[in-house]
Amino acid sequence: MTTLIDISGFPVGRDLSDSYPIAAAPTAEHAEMLLDRIGFIRNEIIPLAC
């Protein structure tokens, strides 16, 4: 099951180095990749721990 999340509010292009220690450019593509990983963790890994 895929959960769609609106990323239009994400600060694409803004420097987040003071907020999040992530070595990746702040792009829409990277935001999508992060959301995919979060979805996988929520849907596939967390249920196994419960």
C-alpha atoms as a PDB file:
ATOM      1  CA  MET A   1       0.000   0.000   0.000  1.00  0.00           C
ATOM      2  CA  THR A   2       1.435   3.358  -1.042  1.00  0.00           C
ATOM      3  CA  THR A   3       0.534   6.486   0.875  1.00  0.00           C
ATOM      4  CA  LEU A   4       0.661   9.670  -1.144  1.00  0.00           C
ATOM      5  CA  ILE A   5       1.946  12.722   0.686  1.00  0.00           C
ATOM      6  CA  ASP A   6       1.744  16.258  -0.651  1.00  0.00           C
ATOM      7  CA  ILE A   7       5.273  17.666  -0.682  1.00  0.00           C
ATOM      8  CA  SER A   8       4.298  21.046  -2.114  1.00  0.00           C
ATOM      9  CA  GLY A   9       4.900  22.624   1.295  1.00  0.00           C
ATOM     10  CA  PHE A  10       8.449  21.307   1.582  1.00  0.00           C
ATOM     11  CA  PRO A  11      11.060  24.065   1.404  1.00  0.00           C
ATOM     12  CA  VAL A  12      12.612  22.923  -1.882  1.00  0.00           C
ATOM     13  CA  GLY A  13      15.796  24.783  -2.661  1.00  0.00           C
ATOM     14  CA  ARG A  14      16.201  26.177   0.861  1.00  0.00           C
ATOM     15  CA  ASP A  15      19.350  25.409   2.831  1.00  0.00           C
ATOM     16  CA  LEU A  16      18.402  23.073   5.673  1.00  0.00           C
ATOM     17  CA  SER A  17      21.920  22.364   6.948  1.00  0.00           C
ATOM     18  CA  ASP A  18      21.162  24.110  10.252  1.00  0.00           C
ATOM     19  CA  SER A  19      17.932  22.117  10.688  1.00  0.00           C
ATOM     20  CA  TYR A  20      18.745  18.625   9.450  1.00  0.00           C
ATOM     21  CA  PRO A  21      22.201  17.006   9.192  1.00  0.00           C
ATOM     22  CA  ILE A  22      21.634  15.540   5.721  1.00  0.00           C
ATOM     23  CA  ALA A  23      24.279  15.620   2.999  1.00  0.00           C
ATOM     24  CA  ALA A  24      21.854  15.982   0.087  1.00  0.00           C
ATOM     25  CA  ALA A  25      20.723  18.887  -2.035  1.00  0.00           C
ATOM     26  CA  PRO A  26      17.271  20.229  -1.072  1.00  0.00           C
ATOM     27  CA  THR A  27      15.422  19.173  -4.231  1.00  0.00           C
ATOM     28  CA  ALA A  28      11.948  17.826  -4.943  1.00  0.00           C
ATOM     29  CA  GLU A  29      13.546  14.586  -6.166  1.00  0.00           C
ATOM     30  CA  HIS A  30      15.345  14.047  -2.853  1.00  0.00           C
ATOM     31  CA  ALA A  31      12.165  14.887  -0.928  1.00  0.00           C
ATOM     32  CA  GLU A  32      10.305  12.213  -2.911  1.00  0.00           C
ATOM     33  CA  MET A  33      13.069   9.685  -2.237  1.00  0.00           C
ATOM     34  CA  LEU A  34      12.932  10.450   1.494  1.00  0.00           C
ATOM     35  CA  LEU A  35       9.143  10.068   1.550  1.00  0.00           C
ATOM     36  CA  ASP A  36       9.459   6.701  -0.212  1.00  0.00           C
ATOM     37  CA  ARG A  37      11.902   5.522   2.447  1.00  0.00           C
ATOM     38  CA  ILE A  38       9.686   6.768   5.267  1.00  0.00           C
ATOM     39  CA  GLY A  39       6.708   4.981   3.708  1.00  0.00           C
ATOM     40  CA  PHE A  40       8.679   1.745   3.469  1.00  0.00           C
ATOM     41  CA  ILE A  41       9.721   1.967   7.111  1.00  0.00           C
ATOM     42  CA  ARG A  42       6.154   2.706   8.239  1.00  0.00           C
ATOM     43  CA  ASN A  43       4.551  -0.003   6.106  1.00  0.00           C
ATOM     44  CA  GLU A  44       7.116  -2.799   6.130  1.00  0.00           C
ATOM     45  CA  ILE A  45       9.376  -2.522   9.174  1.00  0.00           C
ATOM     46  CA  ILE A  46       7.343  -0.965  11.978  1.00  0.00           C
ATOM     47  CA  PRO A  47       4.479  -3.501  11.704  1.00  0.00           C
ATOM     48  CA  LEU A  48       7.019  -6.309  12.188  1.00  0.00           C
ATOM     49  CA  ALA A  49       8.153  -4.757  15.474  1.00  0.00           C
ATOM     50  CA  CYS A  50       4.633  -4.633  16.921  1.00  0.00           C
END
